[in-house]
Amino acid sequence: MEKFTKLILTWYSKHARNLPWRNHLDPYTIWVSEIMLQQTQVSGVIPYFIKWMKRFPDILTLSQASEGDVLSMWEGLGYYARARNLSRASRLVMSDYGGVLPSGINELRKIPGIGRYTAAAIASMAFGADEVAMDGNIKRVISRMFDIRIPVNTSIGEKTLLVLASKYLPAGQAGDYNQALMDIGATICLPKTPDCGVCPVKKICEAWEKNLQGKLPVLQRKPKPPTLVKAAAVVKRGRKVLINQRQSKGLLGGMWEFPSAEVKGNPSVELSSVINSTYKLKVTSTKYFDTVNHSYTHFKLTEHVFLCNLKKITKLLPGFRWVSIGELSNYPMGKVDRWIADKIIIENG
């Protein structure tokens, strides 16, 4: 136990990654970084984190920002519920905790967007609490270290790994312990090509001893994600285009989009009927514009886009807005709609 802990902490003291949210104890900074790192690689997070902290340097500033401003700063990072939760949580922290993020893991878990892992990460790194932050990197390192054959992406697998990691946690050093395991997993104990030759715990690793690195961790297979096919309408009126703001809850909540709807057959044939039934917009397709493919967590999307005219001017549903083409970049959008918007701007430049 002491050997394993000593080895990883010694390695971390010399090889810790130089990341912009490390080497200080500001809970807000650690909170923002951990939310951004959910489902997103470090390299993708760094530029967003730097930009975010310049715009929202503290909880008070974030709590005073509109959701639109928050989503604009987050655009491109994906999983937009994270941004909405940060916005909502900042106001809760101001109202219920006097603007100070709580230190206890149970209190932290009451805050929107903070689950068990994120609460443990904040508690250990910002407040020195003896908590294991069980992320994907730590799961991989522990499962290989102790030859764990239970699928790590199941509740029993995660509990087993948490018990093991907790056994080795050095009192008062949980922040460094967690980050050491994360860094080893991110830089050495890689999913497909682990660099075992430089691993600080190679000599006491069961996967290395049994040559099981390629078989661990065990993952429970997930069903193949379905493909959703949609038709989208780019409706122009002079130098303006019609866009719609999505409901604040759900996928891409609060983001702006071009009106689109699911189709079961030929997109060009079904476009008018599905747009009318979904948005009460009577449109006619004039020209094929583009096809955009994108993968979300639980499904894949193929969106066929058409230039359209309104058959007649109708009263628009709440959320719709005519926007100048030159102002499209000011409206936060998901990747699919941003692709469409950028192409419209280029072609009408």
Protein backbone atom coordinates (compact mmCIF):
# COMPACT_ATOMS: atom_id res chain seq x y z
CA MET A 1 0.00 0.00 0.00
CA GLU A 2 2.67 2.51 1.04
CA LYS A 3 4.88 1.57 -1.92
CA PHE A 4 2.14 2.15 -4.51
CA THR A 5 1.18 5.52 -3.03
CA LYS A 6 4.78 6.66 -2.64
CA LEU A 7 5.65 5.71 -6.21
CA ILE A 8 2.81 7.64 -7.82
CA LEU A 9 3.22 10.71 -5.61
CA THR A 10 6.97 10.82 -6.27
CA TRP A 11 6.34 10.53 -9.99
CA TYR A 12 3.69 13.26 -9.85
CA SER A 13 6.03 15.67 -8.05
CA LYS A 14 8.34 15.49 -11.07
CA HIS A 15 6.00 14.90 -14.01
CA ALA A 16 2.68 16.61 -13.22
CA ARG A 17 1.08 18.18 -16.28
CA ASN A 18 1.28 21.97 -16.41
CA LEU A 19 -2.41 22.86 -16.62
CA PRO A 20 -3.88 26.36 -16.15
CA TRP A 21 -6.22 25.31 -13.31
CA ARG A 22 -3.56 23.65 -11.18
CA ASN A 23 -1.23 24.87 -8.46
CA HIS A 24 -3.80 26.90 -6.55
CA LEU A 25 -6.72 26.18 -4.27
CA ASP A 26 -9.43 28.43 -5.70
CA PRO A 27 -12.60 26.28 -5.54
CA TYR A 28 -14.35 28.16 -8.36
CA THR A 29 -11.45 27.60 -10.76
CA ILE A 30 -11.32 23.89 -9.94
CA TRP A 31 -15.11 23.64 -10.25
CA VAL A 32 -15.14 25.21 -13.72
CA SER A 33 -12.25 23.05 -14.93
CA GLU A 34 -13.84 19.84 -13.69
CA ILE A 35 -17.17 20.65 -15.35
CA MET A 36 -15.40 21.41 -18.63
CA LEU A 37 -13.38 18.21 -18.41
CA GLN A 38 -16.53 16.08 -18.27
CA GLN A 39 -16.69 14.25 -21.62
CA THR A 40 -13.96 16.50 -23.07
CA GLN A 41 -10.21 16.00 -23.45
CA VAL A 42 -7.75 18.33 -21.73
CA SER A 43 -6.40 19.73 -25.01
CA GLY A 44 -9.89 20.79 -26.04
CA VAL A 45 -10.68 22.33 -22.66
CA ILE A 46 -7.62 24.57 -22.18
CA PRO A 47 -8.53 27.38 -24.67
CA TYR A 48 -12.15 27.43 -23.46
CA PHE A 49 -11.05 27.52 -19.83
CA ILE A 50 -8.72 30.48 -20.40
CA LYS A 51 -11.40 32.38 -22.32
CA TRP A 52 -14.04 31.56 -19.71
CA MET A 53 -11.96 32.72 -16.74
CA LYS A 54 -11.26 36.05 -18.43
CA ARG A 55 -14.98 36.59 -19.01
CA PHE A 56 -16.27 35.03 -15.74
CA PRO A 57 -13.40 35.27 -13.21
CA ASP A 58 -15.56 34.48 -10.18
CA ILE A 59 -18.93 33.13 -9.07
CA LEU A 60 -20.46 36.59 -8.71
CA THR A 61 -19.61 37.58 -12.30
CA LEU A 62 -20.98 34.30 -13.62
CA SER A 63 -24.18 34.64 -11.62
CA GLN A 64 -24.85 38.05 -13.15
CA ALA A 65 -24.40 36.87 -16.75
CA SER A 66 -27.32 35.93 -18.98
CA GLU A 67 -27.71 32.34 -20.09
CA GLY A 68 -27.15 33.52 -23.68
CA ASP A 69 -23.76 34.99 -22.75
CA VAL A 70 -22.81 31.79 -20.95
CA LEU A 71 -23.81 29.61 -23.89
CA SER A 72 -21.89 31.87 -26.29
CA MET A 73 -18.71 31.37 -24.26
CA TRP A 74 -19.32 27.62 -24.21
CA GLU A 75 -20.17 27.22 -27.92
CA GLY A 76 -18.12 24.47 -29.56
CA LEU A 77 -17.32 22.66 -26.31
CA GLY A 78 -20.50 20.57 -26.52
CA TYR A 79 -22.71 19.01 -23.84
CA TYR A 80 -24.37 22.38 -23.25
CA ALA A 81 -26.25 21.26 -20.15
CA ARG A 82 -22.91 21.72 -18.39
CA ALA A 83 -22.93 25.43 -19.19
CA ARG A 84 -26.57 25.87 -18.22
CA ASN A 85 -25.94 24.07 -14.94
CA LEU A 86 -22.92 26.28 -14.19
CA SER A 87 -25.04 29.35 -14.81
CA ARG A 88 -27.89 28.09 -12.63
CA ALA A 89 -25.53 26.79 -9.94
CA SER A 90 -23.67 30.09 -9.66
CA ARG A 91 -26.93 31.83 -8.75
CA LEU A 92 -27.75 29.10 -6.23
CA VAL A 93 -24.31 29.45 -4.61
CA MET A 94 -24.84 33.20 -4.35
CA SER A 95 -28.29 32.86 -2.81
CA ASP A 96 -27.86 29.78 -0.60
CA TYR A 97 -24.15 29.79 0.29
CA GLY A 98 -23.25 33.47 0.35
CA GLY A 99 -21.22 33.19 -2.85
CA VAL A 100 -18.85 30.58 -1.38
CA LEU A 101 -18.72 27.08 -2.81
CA PRO A 102 -19.35 24.54 -0.01
CA SER A 103 -16.50 22.23 0.97
CA GLY A 104 -18.41 19.09 1.94
CA ILE A 105 -19.01 16.41 -0.67
CA ASN A 106 -22.68 16.00 0.30
CA GLU A 107 -23.36 19.75 0.02
CA LEU A 108 -21.48 19.92 -3.26
CA ARG A 109 -23.69 17.20 -4.71
CA LYS A 110 -26.76 19.36 -4.12
CA ILE A 111 -25.44 21.85 -6.67
CA PRO A 112 -26.70 21.46 -10.29
CA GLY A 113 -24.22 19.64 -12.51
CA ILE A 114 -22.08 18.28 -9.67
CA GLY A 115 -22.18 14.50 -9.37
CA ARG A 116 -20.20 12.10 -7.22
CA TYR A 117 -16.96 12.36 -9.24
CA THR A 118 -16.99 16.16 -9.58
CA ALA A 119 -17.84 16.64 -5.91
CA ALA A 120 -14.94 14.38 -4.90
CA ALA A 121 -12.56 16.21 -7.25
CA ILE A 122 -13.50 19.64 -5.89
CA ALA A 123 -13.48 18.47 -2.27
CA SER A 124 -10.07 16.83 -2.56
CA MET A 125 -8.29 19.39 -4.76
CA ALA A 126 -9.77 22.61 -3.35
CA PHE A 127 -10.45 21.67 0.28
CA GLY A 128 -8.07 18.78 1.02
CA ALA A 129 -10.84 16.27 1.76
CA ASP A 130 -9.89 12.58 1.70
CA GLU A 131 -12.03 11.62 -1.30
CA VAL A 132 -11.21 9.59 -4.41
CA ALA A 133 -12.30 11.20 -7.68
CA MET A 134 -12.99 8.15 -9.82
CA ASP A 135 -12.69 9.31 -13.45
CA GLY A 136 -11.98 7.22 -16.55
CA ASN A 137 -8.21 7.51 -16.22
CA ILE A 138 -8.21 6.37 -12.61
CA LYS A 139 -10.53 3.48 -13.44
CA ARG A 140 -8.13 2.29 -16.12
CA VAL A 141 -5.04 2.54 -13.90
CA ILE A 142 -6.64 0.77 -10.92
CA SER A 143 -8.23 -1.98 -13.05
CA ARG A 144 -4.86 -2.80 -14.62
CA MET A 145 -2.92 -2.41 -11.41
CA PHE A 146 -5.08 -5.00 -9.61
CA ASP A 147 -6.29 -7.11 -12.54
CA ILE A 148 -9.98 -6.27 -12.12
CA ARG A 149 -12.13 -8.26 -14.58
CA ILE A 150 -15.48 -6.64 -13.67
CA PRO A 151 -16.66 -4.17 -16.35
CA VAL A 152 -15.60 -0.73 -15.15
CA ASN A 153 -18.59 0.99 -16.77
CA THR A 154 -21.06 -0.73 -14.44
CA SER A 155 -22.12 0.28 -10.94
CA ILE A 156 -20.54 -2.79 -9.32
CA GLY A 157 -17.33 -2.26 -11.28
CA GLU A 158 -17.09 1.37 -10.22
CA LYS A 159 -17.77 0.51 -6.58
CA THR A 160 -15.06 -2.17 -6.64
CA LEU A 161 -12.50 0.25 -8.07
CA LEU A 162 -13.53 2.99 -5.64
CA VAL A 163 -12.94 0.68 -2.66
CA LEU A 164 -9.49 -0.25 -4.00
CA ALA A 165 -8.46 3.32 -4.78
CA SER A 166 -9.69 4.46 -1.35
CA LYS A 167 -7.55 1.85 0.41
CA TYR A 168 -4.41 3.46 -0.96
CA LEU A 169 -5.45 7.09 -0.51
CA PRO A 170 -2.91 8.94 1.69
CA ALA A 171 -4.60 11.06 4.35
CA GLY A 172 -4.30 14.76 3.63
CA GLN A 173 -2.93 14.24 0.11
CA ALA A 174 -6.03 13.21 -1.82
CA GLY A 175 -5.72 16.09 -4.29
CA ASP A 176 -2.24 15.06 -5.40
CA TYR A 177 -3.16 11.38 -5.25
CA ASN A 178 -6.14 11.85 -7.56
CA GLN A 179 -4.25 14.05 -9.98
CA ALA A 180 -1.27 11.68 -10.02
CA LEU A 181 -3.49 8.77 -11.04
CA MET A 182 -5.25 10.95 -13.62
CA ASP A 183 -1.94 12.04 -15.13
CA ILE A 184 -0.58 8.50 -15.26
CA GLY A 185 -3.77 7.40 -17.01
CA ALA A 186 -3.68 10.34 -19.43
CA THR A 187 0.00 10.17 -20.36
CA ILE A 188 1.25 6.61 -19.69
CA CYS A 189 -1.51 4.09 -18.98
CA LEU A 190 -3.29 4.87 -22.24
CA PRO A 191 -6.34 2.90 -23.44
CA LYS A 192 -4.77 1.24 -26.50
CA THR A 193 -1.02 1.88 -26.35
CA PRO A 194 0.14 2.07 -22.72
CA ASP A 195 3.76 3.11 -22.33
CA CYS A 196 4.50 0.59 -19.61
CA GLY A 197 8.26 1.03 -19.90
CA VAL A 198 8.13 4.40 -18.16
CA CYS A 199 5.29 3.65 -15.72
CA PRO A 200 6.28 4.32 -12.09
CA VAL A 201 4.22 1.36 -10.82
CA LYS A 202 5.16 -1.13 -13.55
CA LYS A 203 6.92 -3.53 -11.20
CA ILE A 204 3.90 -3.94 -8.95
CA CYS A 205 1.25 -3.88 -11.69
CA GLU A 206 -0.63 -7.14 -12.20
CA ALA A 207 -1.57 -6.34 -15.79
CA TRP A 208 2.11 -5.82 -16.65
CA GLU A 209 3.11 -9.03 -14.89
CA LYS A 210 0.42 -11.07 -16.70
CA ASN A 211 0.62 -9.17 -20.02
CA LEU A 212 -3.04 -8.13 -19.78
CA GLN A 213 -2.71 -4.44 -20.66
CA GLY A 214 -4.57 -4.91 -23.95
CA LYS A 215 -7.48 -6.72 -22.25
CA LEU A 216 -8.04 -4.34 -19.36
CA PRO A 217 -10.08 -2.50 -18.39
CA VAL A 218 -13.08 -4.66 -19.21
CA LEU A 219 -15.97 -2.67 -20.67
CA GLN A 220 -19.59 -3.71 -20.93
CA ARG A 221 -20.67 -3.35 -24.54
CA LYS A 222 -23.12 -0.58 -25.30
CA PRO A 223 -25.77 -0.90 -27.99
CA LYS A 224 -25.02 0.72 -31.32
CA PRO A 225 -26.46 4.26 -31.31
CA PRO A 226 -29.40 4.85 -33.67
CA THR A 227 -29.23 7.30 -36.57
CA LEU A 228 -31.70 10.17 -36.67
CA VAL A 229 -32.45 11.75 -40.05
CA LYS A 230 -33.74 15.31 -40.14
CA ALA A 231 -34.66 17.92 -42.72
CA ALA A 232 -33.79 21.56 -42.03
CA ALA A 233 -35.10 24.72 -43.67
CA VAL A 234 -33.00 27.81 -44.30
CA VAL A 235 -35.68 30.47 -44.77
CA LYS A 236 -34.37 33.78 -46.13
CA ARG A 237 -36.03 37.17 -46.44
CA GLY A 238 -33.66 39.57 -48.13
CA ARG A 239 -30.49 39.68 -46.02
CA LYS A 240 -32.18 38.05 -43.05
CA VAL A 241 -32.66 34.41 -42.13
CA LEU A 242 -35.13 32.75 -39.76
CA ILE A 243 -33.78 30.99 -36.67
CA ASN A 244 -35.39 29.54 -33.56
CA GLN A 245 -34.25 29.31 -29.95
CA ARG A 246 -34.61 25.84 -28.45
CA GLN A 247 -36.35 25.25 -25.14
CA SER A 248 -34.02 25.79 -22.20
CA LYS A 249 -34.15 22.14 -21.14
CA GLY A 250 -32.96 19.11 -23.05
CA LEU A 251 -30.39 18.65 -25.82
CA LEU A 252 -28.82 21.97 -26.87
CA GLY A 253 -31.22 23.79 -24.56
CA GLY A 254 -31.21 27.56 -25.05
CA MET A 255 -29.18 27.34 -28.27
CA TRP A 256 -30.34 28.73 -31.61
CA GLU A 257 -31.11 26.59 -34.65
CA PHE A 258 -32.58 26.55 -38.12
CA PRO A 259 -36.04 24.96 -38.07
CA SER A 260 -35.65 21.21 -38.54
CA ALA A 261 -37.62 18.04 -37.93
CA GLU A 262 -37.22 14.29 -38.15
CA VAL A 263 -38.13 12.56 -41.41
CA LYS A 264 -38.79 8.89 -42.09
CA GLY A 265 -38.49 8.92 -45.88
CA ASN A 266 -37.19 11.28 -48.57
CA PRO A 267 -36.11 14.52 -46.83
CA SER A 268 -36.86 16.75 -49.82
CA VAL A 269 -40.38 15.32 -50.10
CA GLU A 270 -41.21 15.41 -46.39
CA LEU A 271 -39.59 18.76 -45.61
CA SER A 272 -42.63 20.99 -46.07
CA SER A 273 -45.00 18.80 -44.08
CA VAL A 274 -42.71 18.17 -41.11
CA ILE A 275 -41.67 21.83 -40.81
CA ASN A 276 -45.32 22.90 -40.96
CA SER A 277 -46.48 20.34 -38.39
CA THR A 278 -43.59 21.15 -36.03
CA TYR A 279 -43.40 24.93 -36.29
CA LYS A 280 -46.59 26.04 -38.14
CA LEU A 281 -44.36 27.32 -40.95
CA LYS A 282 -45.58 26.84 -44.51
CA VAL A 283 -42.39 26.53 -46.55
CA THR A 284 -41.47 25.32 -50.01
CA SER A 285 -38.04 23.97 -50.81
CA THR A 286 -36.21 25.86 -53.55
CA LYS A 287 -32.76 24.26 -53.51
CA TYR A 288 -30.69 21.61 -51.77
CA PHE A 289 -28.12 23.33 -49.56
CA ASP A 290 -26.02 20.76 -47.67
CA THR A 291 -25.97 17.56 -45.61
CA VAL A 292 -24.37 17.60 -42.17
CA ASN A 293 -23.43 14.54 -40.10
CA HIS A 294 -22.73 14.66 -36.39
CA SER A 295 -22.43 12.15 -33.54
CA TYR A 296 -23.99 12.81 -30.15
CA THR A 297 -23.62 10.63 -27.06
CA HIS A 298 -26.68 8.45 -27.67
CA PHE A 299 -27.39 8.85 -31.39
CA LYS A 300 -25.99 9.90 -34.74
CA LEU A 301 -27.55 12.68 -36.78
CA THR A 302 -27.79 13.17 -40.51
CA GLU A 303 -29.37 16.52 -41.33
CA HIS A 304 -30.36 17.43 -44.91
CA VAL A 305 -30.59 21.18 -45.37
CA PHE A 306 -32.66 23.04 -47.97
CA LEU A 307 -33.08 26.66 -48.96
CA CYS A 308 -36.74 27.53 -48.58
CA ASN A 309 -39.35 30.21 -49.13
CA LEU A 310 -42.34 30.96 -46.95
CA LYS A 311 -45.57 30.29 -48.83
CA LYS A 312 -47.14 33.09 -46.87
CA ILE A 313 -46.22 35.26 -43.92
CA THR A 314 -47.64 33.67 -40.78
CA LYS A 315 -47.44 34.59 -37.15
CA LEU A 316 -44.24 33.07 -35.82
CA LEU A 317 -44.22 30.87 -32.74
CA PRO A 318 -42.41 32.24 -29.67
CA GLY A 319 -38.67 31.74 -29.97
CA PHE A 320 -38.37 32.57 -33.68
CA ARG A 321 -36.41 35.55 -34.88
CA TRP A 322 -35.40 37.11 -38.18
CA VAL A 323 -31.64 37.68 -37.94
CA SER A 324 -29.27 39.50 -40.27
CA ILE A 325 -26.88 37.04 -41.92
CA GLY A 326 -23.98 39.11 -40.67
CA GLU A 327 -25.21 38.68 -37.07
CA LEU A 328 -25.56 34.89 -37.10
CA SER A 329 -22.21 34.51 -35.37
CA ASN A 330 -23.64 36.37 -32.35
CA TYR A 331 -26.19 33.62 -31.62
CA PRO A 332 -24.90 30.51 -29.78
CA MET A 333 -25.50 27.33 -31.81
CA GLY A 334 -24.64 23.66 -31.73
CA LYS A 335 -22.08 22.32 -34.20
CA VAL A 336 -24.60 21.32 -36.88
CA ASP A 337 -26.36 24.67 -36.98
CA ARG A 338 -23.09 26.57 -36.70
CA TRP A 339 -21.86 24.70 -39.78
CA ILE A 340 -24.99 25.75 -41.64
CA ALA A 341 -24.71 29.35 -40.42
CA ASP A 342 -21.05 29.62 -41.41
CA LYS A 343 -21.82 28.34 -44.91
CA ILE A 344 -24.66 30.86 -45.25
CA ILE A 345 -22.30 33.67 -44.20
CA ILE A 346 -19.64 32.54 -46.69
CA GLU A 347 -22.06 32.22 -49.59
CA ASN A 348 -23.69 35.58 -48.84
CA GLY A 349 -20.53 37.46 -47.90
